[in-house]
Protein backbone atom coordinates (compact mmCIF):
# COMPACT_ATOMS: atom_id res chain seq x y z
CA MET A 1 7.52 8.94 -16.16
CA GLU A 2 4.20 10.53 -15.42
CA LEU A 3 0.81 9.11 -14.92
CA ASN A 4 -0.94 9.41 -18.33
CA ALA A 5 -4.62 9.45 -17.18
CA ASN A 6 -6.44 12.22 -15.41
CA ASN A 7 -5.45 11.98 -11.70
CA ASN A 8 -9.27 12.17 -10.78
CA ASP A 9 -10.00 9.15 -12.78
CA ILE A 10 -7.17 7.09 -11.13
CA ILE A 11 -8.25 8.15 -7.53
CA GLU A 12 -11.84 7.61 -7.93
CA LYS A 13 -12.70 7.16 -4.07
CA LYS A 14 -15.97 5.53 -5.03
CA SER A 15 -16.12 3.31 -1.95
CA ASN A 16 -18.27 0.26 -1.57
CA SER A 17 -20.91 1.54 0.79
CA LYS A 18 -22.40 -1.85 1.75
CA ALA A 19 -18.88 -3.08 2.71
CA ILE A 20 -17.95 0.19 4.69
CA GLU A 21 -21.16 -0.26 6.54
CA ARG A 22 -20.62 -3.79 7.41
CA LEU A 23 -17.03 -3.27 8.48
CA PHE A 24 -17.90 -0.24 10.47
CA ARG A 25 -20.60 -2.09 12.24
CA LYS A 26 -18.19 -4.79 13.27
CA THR A 27 -15.53 -2.65 14.78
CA ASN A 28 -16.99 1.00 15.38
CA GLU A 29 -14.03 3.27 16.30
CA ASN A 30 -13.42 6.99 16.13
CA ILE A 31 -10.48 8.48 14.08
CA ASP A 32 -9.32 11.86 13.18
CA PRO A 33 -11.07 12.63 9.80
CA ASN A 34 -7.81 14.01 8.54
CA LEU A 35 -6.20 10.75 8.94
CA VAL A 36 -6.36 7.57 6.85
CA LEU A 37 -4.67 5.31 9.31
CA ASP A 38 -3.99 5.49 13.18
CA VAL A 39 -1.87 2.75 14.67
CA ARG A 40 -1.80 2.73 18.46
CA ASN A 41 0.64 0.82 20.67
CA LEU A 42 1.02 -2.21 18.47
CA THR A 43 2.92 -5.26 19.75
CA LYS A 44 3.76 -8.55 18.07
CA ASN A 45 5.89 -11.28 19.73
CA TYR A 46 7.27 -14.50 18.25
CA LEU A 47 8.52 -17.61 20.14
CA VAL A 48 11.81 -18.67 18.86
CA GLY A 49 12.94 -21.72 20.68
CA ASN A 50 12.83 -20.77 24.45
CA TYR A 51 13.11 -17.18 23.75
CA THR A 52 10.46 -14.51 23.07
CA VAL A 53 11.37 -12.08 20.23
CA ALA A 54 9.51 -8.64 20.28
CA ALA A 55 8.96 -8.00 16.67
CA LEU A 56 6.82 -4.93 17.37
CA ASN A 57 7.21 -3.13 20.60
CA ASN A 58 4.44 -0.58 21.42
CA VAL A 59 4.53 1.02 17.75
CA SER A 60 2.31 4.07 17.22
CA LEU A 61 2.18 6.00 13.84
CA GLN A 62 -0.31 7.87 11.81
CA VAL A 63 -0.81 8.49 8.14
CA LYS A 64 -2.71 11.45 6.84
CA LYS A 65 -4.82 11.63 3.79
CA GLY A 66 -2.70 12.08 0.76
CA GLU A 67 0.51 11.63 2.49
CA LEU A 68 3.51 9.32 1.38
CA VAL A 69 5.26 7.98 4.48
CA ALA A 70 8.37 5.80 4.31
CA ILE A 71 9.48 3.25 6.90
CA VAL A 72 13.17 2.41 6.97
CA GLY A 73 15.29 0.19 9.25
CA PRO A 74 17.77 -2.74 9.13
CA SER A 75 16.78 -6.27 8.34
CA GLY A 76 14.94 -7.89 11.27
CA SER A 77 13.88 -4.47 12.67
CA GLY A 78 10.12 -5.32 12.47
CA LYS A 79 9.27 -3.52 9.20
CA SER A 80 7.76 -6.48 7.37
CA THR A 81 5.86 -7.64 10.46
CA LEU A 82 4.32 -4.09 10.74
CA MET A 83 3.29 -4.06 7.21
CA ASN A 84 1.65 -7.64 7.45
CA CYS A 85 -0.33 -6.52 10.46
CA LEU A 86 -1.38 -3.14 8.70
CA GLY A 87 -2.21 -5.18 5.56
CA ALA A 88 -4.51 -7.47 7.47
CA LEU A 89 -2.14 -10.40 6.66
CA ASP A 90 -1.23 -11.06 10.25
CA PHE A 91 -2.77 -10.22 13.74
CA PRO A 92 -0.99 -8.22 16.39
CA ASP A 93 -0.80 -9.44 19.98
CA SER A 94 -2.13 -6.14 21.13
CA GLY A 95 -2.83 -2.58 20.10
CA GLU A 96 -5.16 -1.01 17.48
CA ILE A 97 -4.99 -0.48 13.69
CA ILE A 98 -7.81 2.00 12.80
CA TYR A 99 -8.65 2.86 9.12
CA ASN A 100 -10.78 5.76 8.33
CA ILE A 101 -13.05 3.85 5.90
CA ASP A 102 -15.56 6.34 5.01
CA GLY A 103 -13.14 9.23 4.88
CA LYS A 104 -15.12 11.26 7.61
CA GLY A 105 -13.98 9.70 10.75
CA ALA A 106 -15.81 6.31 10.73
CA GLY A 107 -12.99 4.15 11.93
CA SER A 108 -12.72 0.34 11.51
CA ASN A 109 -10.26 -1.35 13.81
CA ILE A 110 -8.76 -4.42 11.89
CA SER A 111 -7.00 -5.60 15.03
CA LYS A 112 -10.38 -6.75 16.21
CA MET A 113 -11.57 -8.30 12.90
CA LYS A 114 -11.62 -11.99 12.03
CA SER A 115 -10.21 -13.51 8.85
CA ARG A 116 -13.35 -12.87 6.75
CA GLU A 117 -13.18 -9.22 7.52
CA HIS A 118 -9.45 -8.96 6.80
CA LYS A 119 -10.30 -10.38 3.34
CA GLU A 120 -12.78 -7.61 2.73
CA MET A 121 -10.47 -4.93 3.92
CA ARG A 122 -7.66 -6.20 1.53
CA LEU A 123 -10.18 -6.51 -1.27
CA HIS A 124 -11.85 -2.92 -0.77
CA GLN A 125 -9.66 -0.70 1.30
CA ILE A 126 -6.00 -1.72 1.26
CA GLY A 127 -3.89 -1.88 -1.93
CA LEU A 128 -0.88 -4.22 -1.37
CA ILE A 129 2.41 -3.83 -3.40
CA PHE A 130 5.11 -6.45 -2.98
CA GLN A 131 8.67 -6.60 -3.62
CA PHE A 132 8.34 -9.82 -5.77
CA TYR A 133 5.28 -8.49 -7.67
CA ASN A 134 3.06 -11.66 -6.76
CA LEU A 135 1.38 -11.65 -10.13
CA PHE A 136 -0.27 -14.60 -11.58
CA PRO A 137 2.18 -15.93 -14.33
CA ILE A 138 -0.60 -17.54 -16.43
CA LEU A 139 -2.58 -14.18 -16.56
CA THR A 140 -1.99 -11.22 -18.63
CA ALA A 141 -1.15 -7.82 -17.28
CA TYR A 142 -4.74 -6.97 -18.13
CA GLU A 143 -6.15 -9.99 -16.31
CA ASN A 144 -3.99 -9.41 -13.29
CA VAL A 145 -5.42 -6.00 -12.72
CA GLU A 146 -8.95 -7.07 -13.53
CA LEU A 147 -8.84 -10.00 -10.94
CA PRO A 148 -9.55 -7.92 -7.77
CA MET A 149 -12.38 -6.14 -9.49
CA LEU A 150 -14.07 -9.49 -10.44
CA LEU A 151 -13.60 -10.67 -6.89
CA ALA A 152 -15.38 -7.52 -5.76
CA GLY A 153 -18.38 -8.55 -7.89
CA LYS A 154 -17.94 -6.53 -11.06
CA SER A 155 -18.55 -7.93 -14.50
CA HIS A 156 -15.92 -8.06 -17.25
CA GLU A 157 -17.62 -5.22 -18.93
CA GLN A 158 -17.82 -3.06 -15.86
CA CYS A 159 -14.09 -3.67 -15.34
CA GLU A 160 -12.73 -3.05 -18.85
CA GLU A 161 -12.48 0.94 -18.77
CA ARG A 162 -10.84 1.22 -15.62
CA VAL A 163 -8.37 -1.60 -16.20
CA LYS A 164 -7.19 -0.07 -19.45
CA MET A 165 -7.08 3.35 -17.90
CA LEU A 166 -4.85 2.20 -14.98
CA LEU A 167 -2.46 0.26 -17.30
CA LYS A 168 -2.18 3.22 -19.58
CA SER A 169 -1.60 5.41 -16.54
CA VAL A 170 1.40 3.52 -15.56
CA GLY A 171 2.87 3.37 -19.19
CA LEU A 172 1.68 -0.11 -20.09
CA GLY A 173 -1.02 0.66 -22.65
CA GLU A 174 0.87 -1.35 -25.33
CA ARG A 175 1.83 -4.26 -22.92
CA MET A 176 -1.41 -4.89 -21.21
CA TYR A 177 -2.00 -8.30 -23.04
CA HIS A 178 1.61 -9.62 -22.07
CA ARG A 179 2.23 -12.10 -19.40
CA PRO A 180 4.61 -11.40 -16.55
CA THR A 181 7.36 -13.51 -17.99
CA GLN A 182 7.24 -11.33 -21.13
CA MET A 183 7.97 -8.18 -19.05
CA SER A 184 10.87 -6.59 -17.15
CA GLY A 185 10.90 -6.36 -13.39
CA GLY A 186 9.98 -2.58 -13.71
CA GLU A 187 7.11 -3.48 -15.99
CA GLN A 188 5.82 -6.07 -13.57
CA GLN A 189 5.95 -3.77 -10.65
CA ARG A 190 3.84 -1.23 -12.57
CA VAL A 191 1.33 -3.92 -13.13
CA THR A 192 1.37 -4.54 -9.41
CA ILE A 193 0.74 -0.82 -8.77
CA ALA A 194 -2.10 -0.73 -11.33
CA ARG A 195 -3.58 -3.88 -9.52
CA SER A 196 -3.38 -2.23 -6.17
CA LEU A 197 -5.53 0.68 -7.34
CA ALA A 198 -8.19 -1.51 -8.98
CA ASN A 199 -10.84 -1.20 -6.17
CA ASP A 200 -9.91 2.50 -5.20
CA PRO A 201 -8.24 1.70 -1.80
CA LEU A 202 -7.97 3.98 1.13
CA ILE A 203 -4.17 3.50 1.42
CA LEU A 204 -1.33 1.67 -0.59
CA LEU A 205 0.94 -0.57 1.37
CA ALA A 206 4.21 -1.02 -0.52
CA ASP A 207 6.78 -3.45 0.93
CA GLU A 208 10.14 -2.83 -0.70
CA PRO A 209 8.59 -2.02 -4.05
CA THR A 210 12.00 -0.98 -5.56
CA GLY A 211 14.08 -3.59 -3.87
CA GLU A 212 14.57 -5.78 -7.16
CA LEU A 213 14.86 -2.78 -9.53
CA ASP A 214 17.89 -0.88 -10.97
CA THR A 215 18.48 2.82 -10.36
CA ASP A 216 16.72 4.29 -13.29
CA THR A 217 13.71 1.98 -12.88
CA THR A 218 13.47 2.74 -9.28
CA ALA A 219 13.27 6.55 -10.07
CA GLN A 220 10.39 5.84 -12.42
CA ILE A 221 8.48 3.74 -9.90
CA VAL A 222 9.14 6.62 -7.20
CA LYS A 223 7.76 9.11 -9.77
CA ILE A 224 4.64 7.03 -10.14
CA PHE A 225 4.16 6.98 -6.36
CA LEU A 226 4.70 10.81 -6.02
CA ASP A 227 2.09 11.35 -8.90
CA LEU A 228 -0.37 9.26 -7.01
CA LYS A 229 0.27 11.13 -3.75
CA ASN A 230 -0.21 14.32 -5.48
CA ALA A 231 -3.50 12.89 -6.73
CA GLY A 232 -4.54 12.42 -3.27
CA GLN A 233 -3.64 8.77 -2.67
CA SER A 234 -2.29 7.83 0.82
CA ILE A 235 0.82 5.50 0.58
CA LEU A 236 2.88 3.83 3.31
CA MET A 237 6.11 2.30 1.90
CA VAL A 238 8.87 0.14 3.48
CA THR A 239 12.27 0.60 1.83
CA HIS A 240 15.96 -0.06 2.41
CA ASN A 241 16.71 2.70 0.04
CA HIS A 242 17.35 5.93 1.78
CA ARG A 243 17.10 7.89 -1.50
CA VAL A 244 13.76 6.54 -1.98
CA ALA A 245 12.77 7.37 1.59
CA GLU A 246 13.95 10.94 1.15
CA THR A 247 11.23 11.62 -1.49
CA ALA A 248 8.50 10.79 1.04
CA ASP A 249 6.78 13.36 3.09
CA ARG A 250 7.97 11.67 6.23
CA SER A 251 10.61 8.99 7.00
CA ILE A 252 10.18 6.68 10.07
CA THR A 253 13.00 4.69 11.30
CA ILE A 254 12.34 1.34 13.02
CA SER A 255 14.92 -0.55 15.10
CA ASP A 256 14.36 -3.55 17.12
CA GLY A 257 10.61 -3.29 16.90
CA LYS A 258 10.43 0.24 18.04
CA ILE A 259 10.14 3.68 16.25
CA THR A 260 13.52 5.53 17.02
CA GLU A 261 13.44 8.34 14.60
CA GLU A 262 11.23 10.50 12.26
CA HIS A 263 12.36 12.88 9.69
CA LYS A 264 10.78 15.22 7.22
CA GLY A 265 11.46 14.44 3.55
CA GLY A 266 9.79 15.79 0.41
CA LYS A 267 12.99 15.85 -1.72
CA SER A 268 12.56 15.81 -5.46
CA ILE A 269 13.67 13.02 -7.73
CA ARG A 270 15.92 15.35 -9.57
CA GLU A 271 17.54 16.59 -6.33
CA ILE A 272 18.13 13.07 -5.17
CA TRP A 273 19.11 11.15 -8.36
CA TYR A 274 20.35 13.58 -10.85
CA ASP A 275 21.94 16.61 -9.15
């Protein structure tokens, strides 16, 4: 499956200047302008009974503009904890998570933010994609994609063109007024991807986006991610599927809260699935 809309329309990069100014003023940091994300020495511990478990142990990584990076590792390795911290859903104990919010090196350190600023980051700068979709069952596909734009202050009229374009781009032009219960798992995940793009985020964070899908549908979702990457969208993806990871530009392995390996990827879907 290929994106059906013009790539430049999908990746608009028309940032909310007021939100950027406010977030940058709160946590002014420097970042390499070629990066979209710079994670420095991140730690996160949990108390389990009388024991302290290090979910993240001095994790550092970077994501370049327009790069697709996969994170792999066994269950309990710290992948989901890392994604929750990067997605402004949880707070690390120490370390820095710096986003290049203006694309020119004006960094914003979300590890220093409070909950209100975290909400702004999730709304304007970070597109979240979940394994179990997290769609509102009483809303149609159109309404699920429109919702983040309404929360960002746009009117229904302002949303209409982009919502329709995004849903058509992921192959759901004929399904946009269906509810999630009327859709397959693959269709629901495509709605989730369209929703994640609604407010032109800096980066997409995808946590096991193909974990509930069959092989053919997985290949379709990966194709959408690759098309988005080729359009300039930065993507960080957690996956258990090593074939999915091999399509990414880089694959990072986490074990026991530490980065243990990094490999180059970049294999084609045909090379992995069909040869």
